Structure formats: structure tokens, C-alpha cells
Amino acid sequence: MKKLHFVVITYLSSMLLAPSVLAGTSEVTWTNPEKYRDIDPGDSHREKFKRQIFSNFEKHFAKLAKALPEGQVLKINVTDVDLAGDAKFNMERIRIVRDIYFPRLEFSYEVVDASGNTLHSGEENLKDMSFMMRGGAKYGNDLLSYEKRMLDDWFRDTFKS
């Protein structure tokens, strides 16, 4: 047991002292969210759901940006969101996920260095029409599991190391 504590403490100490080679950051702007194609909560309160969705996307963009070199900033301007599934109104409002309701995300992006110089930029209209046919969800029952996987693919393809 003491050996395990020593190993854990040594590992954590080395992680804290190790210089961070990759440590980019992100900034996300939401343009005209009232016009987004589908950000309907199903059975949740609309504003609370929207804040939760935005927060989840922002955290995911921050996670992706950490793979960029230190000092670089991934700036994202989201112009449309269409979540996987569709909100249906029966006795209750629920989100039904079927293959015909694939996730879409439109945004522009820019990667800038510490001096503010643009290193990479573009506009994206991501959609994953085969989201239901791919292997098991990397993010399990996460609220944005399909959208996050789509963003992972985009980031990997756009910023190949």
C-alpha cells in the first residue's frame, strides 16, 4: 500500500513539474443562436438546455485545443447547430435519435499564435450522415456523443501532427 502511494505521488509530482509542450486554448463565439436549426431540448427547459449544450461544446473545443502548441488559440465562431436526433412531441417532449436525424455543425475557425498572427483558418459545415453506423460511441451516453466524435474527426483531419 505504501508503495502504491509512493508511485502515485511520484507520478503526480512529475506531471506537475513537467513542462507542458502542448497547451493551446480556445475561444468560442455563438452567433445568432436563436436561428440554429435544432437545439431543442426535448423534455428540458429551453434556456437551461441551451446553456448546457454551449458549455459542453466549449469544454470540448478547449479539450481539442490543448493538442495545439502552447500560445496558440483556437477561435471558433459557431453559426449553426443541428443536434443528432429530433425532438418529438407526444405525451412528453423527447429527443429521438435515428439515422435520418444526423448531427450538423457549421462554424468558422482560426488558429492564432501568441502574437495574434493567423496560422490556420477556414469555414466548416460538418455533418455525419453515418453516425449511427460507426462503432460504439467513444463518449457513451454523453449528451453530445455524436457531435463530439464528429468534432474529434474534424480536428484530427484538419490539424494532423
N, C-alpha and C. Protein backbone atom coordinates (compact mmCIF):
# COMPACT_ATOMS: atom_id res chain seq x y z
N MET A 1 0.82 -1.19 0.00
CA MET A 1 0.00 0.00 0.00
C MET A 1 0.87 1.26 0.00
N LYS A 2 1.96 1.24 0.83
CA LYS A 2 2.85 2.39 0.86
C LYS A 2 3.52 2.58 -0.49
N LYS A 3 3.83 1.45 -1.14
CA LYS A 3 4.48 1.53 -2.45
C LYS A 3 3.54 2.18 -3.47
N LEU A 4 2.27 1.85 -3.40
CA LEU A 4 1.29 2.44 -4.30
C LEU A 4 1.20 3.94 -4.09
N HIS A 5 1.16 4.38 -2.82
CA HIS A 5 1.13 5.81 -2.53
C HIS A 5 2.36 6.50 -3.10
N PHE A 6 3.52 5.89 -2.94
CA PHE A 6 4.76 6.47 -3.45
C PHE A 6 4.71 6.61 -4.96
N VAL A 7 4.22 5.58 -5.64
CA VAL A 7 4.12 5.61 -7.10
C VAL A 7 3.16 6.71 -7.55
N VAL A 8 2.01 6.79 -6.91
CA VAL A 8 1.02 7.80 -7.27
C VAL A 8 1.57 9.21 -7.01
N ILE A 9 2.19 9.42 -5.87
CA ILE A 9 2.75 10.74 -5.54
C ILE A 9 3.87 11.10 -6.51
N THR A 10 4.72 10.15 -6.84
CA THR A 10 5.80 10.40 -7.79
C THR A 10 5.24 10.76 -9.15
N TYR A 11 4.25 10.03 -9.60
CA TYR A 11 3.64 10.30 -10.91
C TYR A 11 3.01 11.69 -10.93
N LEU A 12 2.22 12.01 -9.92
CA LEU A 12 1.56 13.31 -9.88
C LEU A 12 2.57 14.45 -9.80
N SER A 13 3.62 14.26 -9.03
CA SER A 13 4.66 15.29 -8.93
C SER A 13 5.34 15.51 -10.26
N SER A 14 5.63 14.43 -10.97
CA SER A 14 6.30 14.57 -12.27
C SER A 14 5.38 15.27 -13.27
N MET A 15 4.09 15.02 -13.17
CA MET A 15 3.15 15.68 -14.08
C MET A 15 3.09 17.18 -13.80
N LEU A 16 3.16 17.56 -12.54
CA LEU A 16 3.11 18.97 -12.19
C LEU A 16 4.39 19.71 -12.58
N LEU A 17 5.52 19.02 -12.50
CA LEU A 17 6.80 19.66 -12.79
C LEU A 17 7.18 19.60 -14.26
N ALA A 18 6.59 18.68 -15.00
CA ALA A 18 6.95 18.53 -16.41
C ALA A 18 6.47 19.74 -17.21
N PRO A 19 7.32 20.26 -18.08
CA PRO A 19 6.88 21.39 -18.90
C PRO A 19 5.81 20.94 -19.88
N SER A 20 4.86 21.80 -20.09
CA SER A 20 3.76 21.47 -21.00
C SER A 20 4.15 21.83 -22.42
N VAL A 21 4.29 20.81 -23.26
CA VAL A 21 4.67 21.03 -24.65
C VAL A 21 3.44 21.46 -25.45
N LEU A 22 2.32 20.86 -25.16
CA LEU A 22 1.08 21.19 -25.86
C LEU A 22 0.11 21.82 -24.86
N ALA A 23 -0.29 23.03 -25.13
CA ALA A 23 -1.19 23.70 -24.19
C ALA A 23 -1.93 24.84 -24.86
N GLY A 24 -2.49 24.60 -26.04
CA GLY A 24 -3.28 25.64 -26.69
C GLY A 24 -4.57 25.88 -25.93
N THR A 25 -5.24 26.97 -26.25
CA THR A 25 -6.51 27.31 -25.61
C THR A 25 -7.56 27.56 -26.70
N SER A 26 -8.80 27.78 -26.26
CA SER A 26 -9.87 28.02 -27.24
C SER A 26 -10.75 29.18 -26.80
N GLU A 27 -11.39 29.78 -27.78
CA GLU A 27 -12.40 30.82 -27.56
C GLU A 27 -13.57 30.48 -28.48
N VAL A 28 -14.78 30.42 -27.92
CA VAL A 28 -15.95 30.05 -28.72
C VAL A 28 -16.96 31.20 -28.70
N THR A 29 -17.43 31.58 -29.88
CA THR A 29 -18.47 32.59 -30.03
C THR A 29 -19.70 31.93 -30.64
N TRP A 30 -20.87 32.26 -30.11
CA TRP A 30 -22.13 31.71 -30.59
C TRP A 30 -22.88 32.81 -31.33
N THR A 31 -22.93 32.74 -32.66
CA THR A 31 -23.56 33.77 -33.48
C THR A 31 -25.01 33.41 -33.78
N ASN A 32 -25.92 34.30 -33.42
CA ASN A 32 -27.36 34.13 -33.66
C ASN A 32 -27.90 32.76 -33.27
N PRO A 33 -27.72 32.34 -32.02
CA PRO A 33 -28.19 31.00 -31.62
C PRO A 33 -29.69 30.81 -31.75
N GLU A 34 -30.44 31.90 -31.75
CA GLU A 34 -31.90 31.78 -31.91
C GLU A 34 -32.27 31.27 -33.29
N LYS A 35 -31.34 31.32 -34.23
CA LYS A 35 -31.60 30.84 -35.59
C LYS A 35 -31.03 29.44 -35.86
N TYR A 36 -30.46 28.82 -34.85
CA TYR A 36 -29.87 27.49 -35.05
C TYR A 36 -30.96 26.50 -35.45
N ARG A 37 -30.58 25.59 -36.32
CA ARG A 37 -31.52 24.64 -36.91
C ARG A 37 -32.21 23.77 -35.86
N ASP A 38 -31.44 23.18 -34.94
CA ASP A 38 -32.05 22.29 -33.94
C ASP A 38 -31.21 22.26 -32.68
N ILE A 39 -31.71 22.96 -31.69
CA ILE A 39 -31.10 22.90 -30.37
C ILE A 39 -32.24 22.74 -29.36
N ASP A 40 -33.26 21.98 -29.79
CA ASP A 40 -34.46 21.76 -28.98
C ASP A 40 -34.17 20.77 -27.87
N PRO A 41 -34.61 21.08 -26.66
CA PRO A 41 -34.27 20.27 -25.51
C PRO A 41 -35.04 18.97 -25.34
N GLY A 42 -36.08 18.76 -26.09
CA GLY A 42 -36.89 17.59 -25.78
C GLY A 42 -37.65 17.86 -24.50
N ASP A 43 -37.27 17.21 -23.39
CA ASP A 43 -38.02 17.37 -22.14
C ASP A 43 -37.39 18.36 -21.16
N SER A 44 -36.38 19.11 -21.57
CA SER A 44 -35.72 20.05 -20.66
C SER A 44 -36.17 21.48 -20.92
N HIS A 45 -35.88 22.35 -19.99
CA HIS A 45 -36.16 23.77 -20.14
C HIS A 45 -35.24 24.33 -21.23
N ARG A 46 -35.78 25.06 -22.17
CA ARG A 46 -35.05 25.52 -23.36
C ARG A 46 -33.77 26.29 -23.05
N GLU A 47 -33.82 27.32 -22.21
CA GLU A 47 -32.63 28.14 -21.92
C GLU A 47 -31.58 27.35 -21.15
N LYS A 48 -32.03 26.56 -20.19
CA LYS A 48 -31.11 25.74 -19.41
C LYS A 48 -30.42 24.74 -20.34
N PHE A 49 -31.18 24.13 -21.22
CA PHE A 49 -30.63 23.16 -22.17
C PHE A 49 -29.61 23.82 -23.09
N LYS A 50 -29.94 25.01 -23.59
CA LYS A 50 -29.03 25.72 -24.49
C LYS A 50 -27.71 26.04 -23.77
N ARG A 51 -27.79 26.51 -22.53
CA ARG A 51 -26.57 26.79 -21.76
C ARG A 51 -25.75 25.52 -21.56
N GLN A 52 -26.44 24.42 -21.29
CA GLN A 52 -25.76 23.14 -21.08
C GLN A 52 -25.06 22.68 -22.37
N ILE A 53 -25.74 22.81 -23.50
CA ILE A 53 -25.16 22.44 -24.80
C ILE A 53 -23.95 23.31 -25.10
N PHE A 54 -24.10 24.62 -24.94
CA PHE A 54 -22.99 25.53 -25.22
C PHE A 54 -21.79 25.22 -24.32
N SER A 55 -22.05 24.99 -23.05
CA SER A 55 -20.97 24.69 -22.11
C SER A 55 -20.25 23.40 -22.51
N ASN A 56 -21.01 22.38 -22.89
CA ASN A 56 -20.41 21.11 -23.32
C ASN A 56 -19.55 21.29 -24.57
N PHE A 57 -20.05 22.03 -25.54
CA PHE A 57 -19.27 22.30 -26.75
C PHE A 57 -18.00 23.08 -26.40
N GLU A 58 -18.13 24.10 -25.55
CA GLU A 58 -16.97 24.92 -25.19
C GLU A 58 -15.90 24.09 -24.49
N LYS A 59 -16.32 23.20 -23.60
CA LYS A 59 -15.36 22.31 -22.92
C LYS A 59 -14.68 21.39 -23.93
N HIS A 60 -15.43 20.92 -24.90
CA HIS A 60 -14.84 20.01 -25.87
C HIS A 60 -13.86 20.74 -26.79
N PHE A 61 -14.20 21.94 -27.22
CA PHE A 61 -13.25 22.72 -28.02
C PHE A 61 -11.99 23.01 -27.21
N ALA A 62 -12.14 23.28 -25.92
CA ALA A 62 -10.98 23.52 -25.06
C ALA A 62 -10.11 22.28 -24.98
N LYS A 63 -10.75 21.11 -24.87
CA LYS A 63 -10.00 19.85 -24.82
C LYS A 63 -9.23 19.64 -26.12
N LEU A 64 -9.87 19.89 -27.25
CA LEU A 64 -9.20 19.73 -28.54
C LEU A 64 -8.04 20.71 -28.67
N ALA A 65 -8.25 21.95 -28.24
CA ALA A 65 -7.23 22.99 -28.38
C ALA A 65 -5.97 22.68 -27.57
N LYS A 66 -6.10 21.88 -26.52
CA LYS A 66 -4.93 21.53 -25.72
C LYS A 66 -3.89 20.78 -26.54
N ALA A 67 -4.29 20.21 -27.66
CA ALA A 67 -3.35 19.50 -28.53
C ALA A 67 -2.52 20.46 -29.39
N LEU A 68 -2.89 21.74 -29.39
CA LEU A 68 -2.13 22.74 -30.14
C LEU A 68 -0.93 23.18 -29.30
N PRO A 69 0.12 23.67 -29.95
CA PRO A 69 1.28 24.15 -29.20
C PRO A 69 0.93 25.30 -28.27
N GLU A 70 1.70 25.41 -27.20
CA GLU A 70 1.50 26.47 -26.22
C GLU A 70 1.49 27.84 -26.89
N GLY A 71 0.57 28.68 -26.47
CA GLY A 71 0.48 30.03 -27.02
C GLY A 71 -0.49 30.16 -28.18
N GLN A 72 -0.89 29.03 -28.76
CA GLN A 72 -1.84 29.10 -29.87
C GLN A 72 -3.27 29.07 -29.34
N VAL A 73 -4.14 29.79 -30.04
CA VAL A 73 -5.55 29.87 -29.63
C VAL A 73 -6.43 29.42 -30.80
N LEU A 74 -7.33 28.49 -30.52
CA LEU A 74 -8.31 28.04 -31.49
C LEU A 74 -9.56 28.88 -31.28
N LYS A 75 -9.86 29.76 -32.24
CA LYS A 75 -11.03 30.62 -32.17
C LYS A 75 -12.13 30.02 -33.04
N ILE A 76 -13.27 29.77 -32.43
CA ILE A 76 -14.40 29.14 -33.11
C ILE A 76 -15.58 30.11 -33.10
N ASN A 77 -16.21 30.28 -34.26
CA ASN A 77 -17.44 31.08 -34.35
C ASN A 77 -18.54 30.16 -34.89
N VAL A 78 -19.39 29.68 -33.99
CA VAL A 78 -20.45 28.74 -34.36
C VAL A 78 -21.62 29.51 -34.95
N THR A 79 -22.06 29.08 -36.15
CA THR A 79 -23.16 29.76 -36.84
C THR A 79 -24.42 28.89 -36.96
N ASP A 80 -24.30 27.58 -36.74
CA ASP A 80 -25.49 26.73 -36.76
C ASP A 80 -25.20 25.41 -36.05
N VAL A 81 -26.21 24.91 -35.37
CA VAL A 81 -26.14 23.62 -34.67
C VAL A 81 -27.40 22.84 -35.01
N ASP A 82 -27.22 21.58 -35.36
CA ASP A 82 -28.33 20.66 -35.57
C ASP A 82 -27.93 19.37 -34.86
N LEU A 83 -28.44 19.19 -33.66
CA LEU A 83 -28.06 18.04 -32.85
C LEU A 83 -28.55 16.73 -33.46
N ALA A 84 -27.85 15.65 -33.15
CA ALA A 84 -28.30 14.33 -33.58
C ALA A 84 -29.68 14.08 -32.97
N GLY A 85 -30.56 13.52 -33.76
CA GLY A 85 -31.91 13.25 -33.27
C GLY A 85 -32.85 14.40 -33.55
N ASP A 86 -34.07 14.23 -33.10
CA ASP A 86 -35.10 15.24 -33.31
C ASP A 86 -36.03 15.23 -32.10
N ALA A 87 -36.44 16.40 -31.67
CA ALA A 87 -37.36 16.49 -30.53
C ALA A 87 -38.77 16.21 -31.02
N LYS A 88 -39.41 15.24 -30.40
CA LYS A 88 -40.78 14.86 -30.76
C LYS A 88 -41.72 15.21 -29.63
N PHE A 89 -42.94 15.54 -29.99
CA PHE A 89 -43.93 15.94 -29.01
C PHE A 89 -45.08 14.94 -29.01
N ASN A 90 -45.05 14.04 -28.05
CA ASN A 90 -46.15 13.11 -27.83
C ASN A 90 -46.78 13.53 -26.51
N MET A 91 -46.92 12.61 -25.61
CA MET A 91 -47.39 12.95 -24.27
C MET A 91 -46.31 13.76 -23.55
N GLU A 92 -45.07 13.52 -23.90
CA GLU A 92 -43.95 14.28 -23.37
C GLU A 92 -43.05 14.68 -24.53
N ARG A 93 -42.16 15.61 -24.27
CA ARG A 93 -41.20 16.03 -25.29
C ARG A 93 -39.94 15.21 -25.10
N ILE A 94 -39.58 14.44 -26.11
CA ILE A 94 -38.36 13.63 -26.01
C ILE A 94 -37.54 13.79 -27.29
N ARG A 95 -36.25 13.54 -27.17
CA ARG A 95 -35.36 13.59 -28.34
C ARG A 95 -35.19 12.16 -28.84
N ILE A 96 -35.60 11.92 -30.08
CA ILE A 96 -35.48 10.62 -30.72
C ILE A 96 -34.25 10.65 -31.62
N VAL A 97 -33.34 9.71 -31.41
CA VAL A 97 -32.14 9.63 -32.25
C VAL A 97 -32.31 8.50 -33.24
N ARG A 98 -32.38 8.88 -34.53
CA ARG A 98 -32.46 7.92 -35.64
C ARG A 98 -31.49 8.38 -36.71
N ASP A 99 -31.14 7.47 -37.61
CA ASP A 99 -30.12 7.79 -38.61
C ASP A 99 -30.50 8.94 -39.55
N ILE A 100 -31.77 9.22 -39.71
CA ILE A 100 -32.16 10.32 -40.60
C ILE A 100 -31.98 11.69 -39.95
N TYR A 101 -31.76 11.71 -38.64
CA TYR A 101 -31.55 12.96 -37.91
C TYR A 101 -30.08 13.06 -37.51
N PHE A 102 -29.21 13.21 -38.50
CA PHE A 102 -27.76 13.21 -38.25
C PHE A 102 -27.30 14.57 -37.72
N PRO A 103 -26.18 14.58 -36.98
CA PRO A 103 -25.67 15.83 -36.42
C PRO A 103 -25.00 16.70 -37.48
N ARG A 104 -25.17 18.02 -37.32
CA ARG A 104 -24.52 19.00 -38.20
C ARG A 104 -24.03 20.16 -37.33
N LEU A 105 -22.94 20.73 -37.78
CA LEU A 105 -22.37 21.88 -37.08
C LEU A 105 -21.68 22.77 -38.09
N GLU A 106 -22.06 24.03 -38.11
CA GLU A 106 -21.44 25.00 -39.01
C GLU A 106 -20.67 26.01 -38.18
N PHE A 107 -19.43 26.26 -38.57
CA PHE A 107 -18.61 27.23 -37.85
C PHE A 107 -17.43 27.66 -38.70
N SER A 108 -16.87 28.80 -38.32
CA SER A 108 -15.60 29.21 -38.90
C SER A 108 -14.58 29.08 -37.78
N TYR A 109 -13.33 28.92 -38.15
CA TYR A 109 -12.29 28.78 -37.13
C TYR A 109 -11.04 29.51 -37.57
N GLU A 110 -10.24 29.81 -36.58
CA GLU A 110 -8.96 30.47 -36.82
C GLU A 110 -8.02 30.03 -35.70
N VAL A 111 -6.82 29.66 -36.06
CA VAL A 111 -5.79 29.38 -35.06
C VAL A 111 -4.79 30.52 -35.14
N VAL A 112 -4.58 31.18 -34.01
CA VAL A 112 -3.65 32.31 -33.96
C VAL A 112 -2.52 31.99 -32.99
N ASP A 113 -1.35 32.58 -33.25
CA ASP A 113 -0.23 32.40 -32.34
C ASP A 113 -0.27 33.48 -31.26
N ALA A 114 0.72 33.47 -30.37
CA ALA A 114 0.75 34.40 -29.25
C ALA A 114 0.80 35.86 -29.71
N SER A 115 1.31 36.11 -30.91
CA SER A 115 1.39 37.48 -31.44
C SER A 115 0.12 37.89 -32.17
N GLY A 116 -0.83 36.97 -32.30
CA GLY A 116 -2.08 37.28 -32.99
C GLY A 116 -2.06 36.99 -34.48
N ASN A 117 -0.97 36.38 -34.96
CA ASN A 117 -0.87 36.02 -36.38
C ASN A 117 -1.73 34.80 -36.67
N THR A 118 -2.48 34.84 -37.76
CA THR A 118 -3.31 33.71 -38.15
C THR A 118 -2.43 32.62 -38.76
N LEU A 119 -2.51 31.43 -38.18
CA LEU A 119 -1.73 30.29 -38.66
C LEU A 119 -2.56 29.38 -39.56
N HIS A 120 -3.85 29.32 -39.28
CA HIS A 120 -4.73 28.40 -39.99
C HIS A 120 -6.15 28.92 -39.82
N SER A 121 -6.96 28.87 -40.87
CA SER A 121 -8.35 29.30 -40.74
C SER A 121 -9.20 28.60 -41.78
N GLY A 122 -10.49 28.65 -41.57
CA GLY A 122 -11.40 28.04 -42.53
C GLY A 122 -12.84 28.10 -42.06
N GLU A 123 -13.72 27.64 -42.92
CA GLU A 123 -15.14 27.52 -42.60
C GLU A 123 -15.53 26.07 -42.76
N GLU A 124 -16.33 25.59 -41.85
CA GLU A 124 -16.72 24.18 -41.86
C GLU A 124 -18.24 24.04 -41.83
N ASN A 125 -18.71 23.03 -42.54
CA ASN A 125 -20.10 22.61 -42.49
C ASN A 125 -20.05 21.11 -42.26
N LEU A 126 -19.86 20.73 -41.00
CA LEU A 126 -19.69 19.32 -40.66
C LEU A 126 -21.04 18.62 -40.59
N LYS A 127 -21.07 17.41 -41.07
CA LYS A 127 -22.24 16.54 -40.89
C LYS A 127 -21.75 15.11 -40.90
N ASP A 128 -22.39 14.29 -40.10
CA ASP A 128 -22.01 12.89 -40.01
C ASP A 128 -23.25 12.05 -40.30
N MET A 129 -23.46 11.79 -41.60
CA MET A 129 -24.67 11.07 -42.02
C MET A 129 -24.63 9.59 -41.65
N SER A 130 -23.45 9.08 -41.32
CA SER A 130 -23.35 7.66 -40.95
C SER A 130 -23.07 7.50 -39.45
N PHE A 131 -23.47 8.48 -38.65
CA PHE A 131 -23.16 8.47 -37.22
C PHE A 131 -23.70 7.25 -36.49
N MET A 132 -24.79 6.68 -36.96
CA MET A 132 -25.38 5.51 -36.29
C MET A 132 -24.70 4.21 -36.70
N MET A 133 -23.96 4.23 -37.80
CA MET A 133 -23.35 3.00 -38.31
C MET A 133 -21.91 2.81 -37.83
N ARG A 134 -21.36 3.81 -37.19
CA ARG A 134 -19.99 3.71 -36.73
C ARG A 134 -19.94 2.88 -35.46
N GLY A 135 -18.75 2.49 -35.07
CA GLY A 135 -18.57 1.66 -33.88
C GLY A 135 -19.15 2.30 -32.63
N GLY A 136 -18.99 1.64 -31.52
CA GLY A 136 -19.51 2.12 -30.25
C GLY A 136 -19.12 3.55 -29.96
N ALA A 137 -20.00 4.25 -29.33
CA ALA A 137 -19.78 5.67 -29.05
C ALA A 137 -18.63 5.84 -28.06
N LYS A 138 -17.63 6.60 -28.47
CA LYS A 138 -16.48 6.89 -27.62
C LYS A 138 -16.92 7.60 -26.35
N TYR A 139 -17.96 8.38 -26.44
CA TYR A 139 -18.40 9.19 -25.31
C TYR A 139 -19.61 8.60 -24.60
N GLY A 140 -19.93 7.34 -24.89
CA GLY A 140 -21.01 6.65 -24.20
C GLY A 140 -22.33 7.39 -24.27
N ASN A 141 -22.92 7.64 -23.12
CA ASN A 141 -24.21 8.32 -23.05
C ASN A 141 -24.10 9.83 -22.91
N ASP A 142 -22.96 10.37 -23.26
CA ASP A 142 -22.74 11.82 -23.19
C ASP A 142 -23.81 12.54 -24.01
N LEU A 143 -24.24 13.68 -23.54
CA LEU A 143 -25.27 14.48 -24.20
C LEU A 143 -24.93 14.78 -25.65
N LEU A 144 -23.65 15.01 -25.95
CA LEU A 144 -23.21 15.35 -27.30
C LEU A 144 -22.26 14.29 -27.87
N SER A 145 -22.51 13.04 -27.60
CA SER A 145 -21.56 11.99 -28.01
C SER A 145 -21.31 11.98 -29.51
N TYR A 146 -22.34 12.11 -30.31
CA TYR A 146 -22.16 12.06 -31.77
C TYR A 146 -21.48 13.33 -32.28
N GLU A 147 -21.86 14.45 -31.72
CA GLU A 147 -21.27 15.73 -32.14
C GLU A 147 -19.79 15.79 -31.75
N LYS A 148 -19.45 15.30 -30.57
CA LYS A 148 -18.05 15.32 -30.12
C LYS A 148 -17.19 14.41 -31.00
N ARG A 149 -17.72 13.26 -31.35
CA ARG A 149 -16.96 12.36 -32.23
C ARG A 149 -16.74 13.01 -33.59
N MET A 150 -17.75 13.71 -34.10
CA MET A 150 -17.63 14.41 -35.37
C MET A 150 -16.56 15.51 -35.27
N LEU A 151 -16.53 16.24 -34.16
CA LEU A 151 -15.52 17.28 -33.96
C LEU A 151 -14.13 16.67 -33.80
N ASP A 152 -14.03 15.54 -33.12
CA ASP A 152 -12.74 14.85 -33.00
C ASP A 152 -12.18 14.51 -34.38
N ASP A 153 -13.05 13.98 -35.24
CA ASP A 153 -12.62 13.62 -36.60
C ASP A 153 -12.16 14.85 -37.37
N TRP A 154 -12.93 15.93 -37.27
CA TRP A 154 -12.55 17.18 -37.95
C TRP A 154 -11.20 17.69 -37.45
N PHE A 155 -11.02 17.72 -36.15
CA PHE A 155 -9.78 18.24 -35.58
C PHE A 155 -8.59 17.39 -36.01
N ARG A 156 -8.75 16.09 -35.92
CA ARG A 156 -7.67 15.17 -36.33
C ARG A 156 -7.33 15.36 -37.80
N ASP A 157 -8.33 15.47 -38.66
CA ASP A 157 -8.09 15.62 -40.10
C ASP A 157 -7.54 17.00 -40.46
N THR A 158 -7.95 18.02 -39.73
CA THR A 158 -7.54 19.39 -40.03
C THR A 158 -6.16 19.72 -39.47
N PHE A 159 -5.86 19.21 -38.30
CA PHE A 159 -4.60 19.54 -37.63
C PHE A 159 -3.75 18.30 -37.44
N LYS A 160 -3.51 17.58 -38.52
CA LYS A 160 -2.69 16.37 -38.45
C LYS A 160 -1.31 16.71 -37.92
N SER A 161 -0.83 15.89 -36.99
CA SER A 161 0.50 16.13 -36.43
C SER A 161 1.56 15.42 -37.23
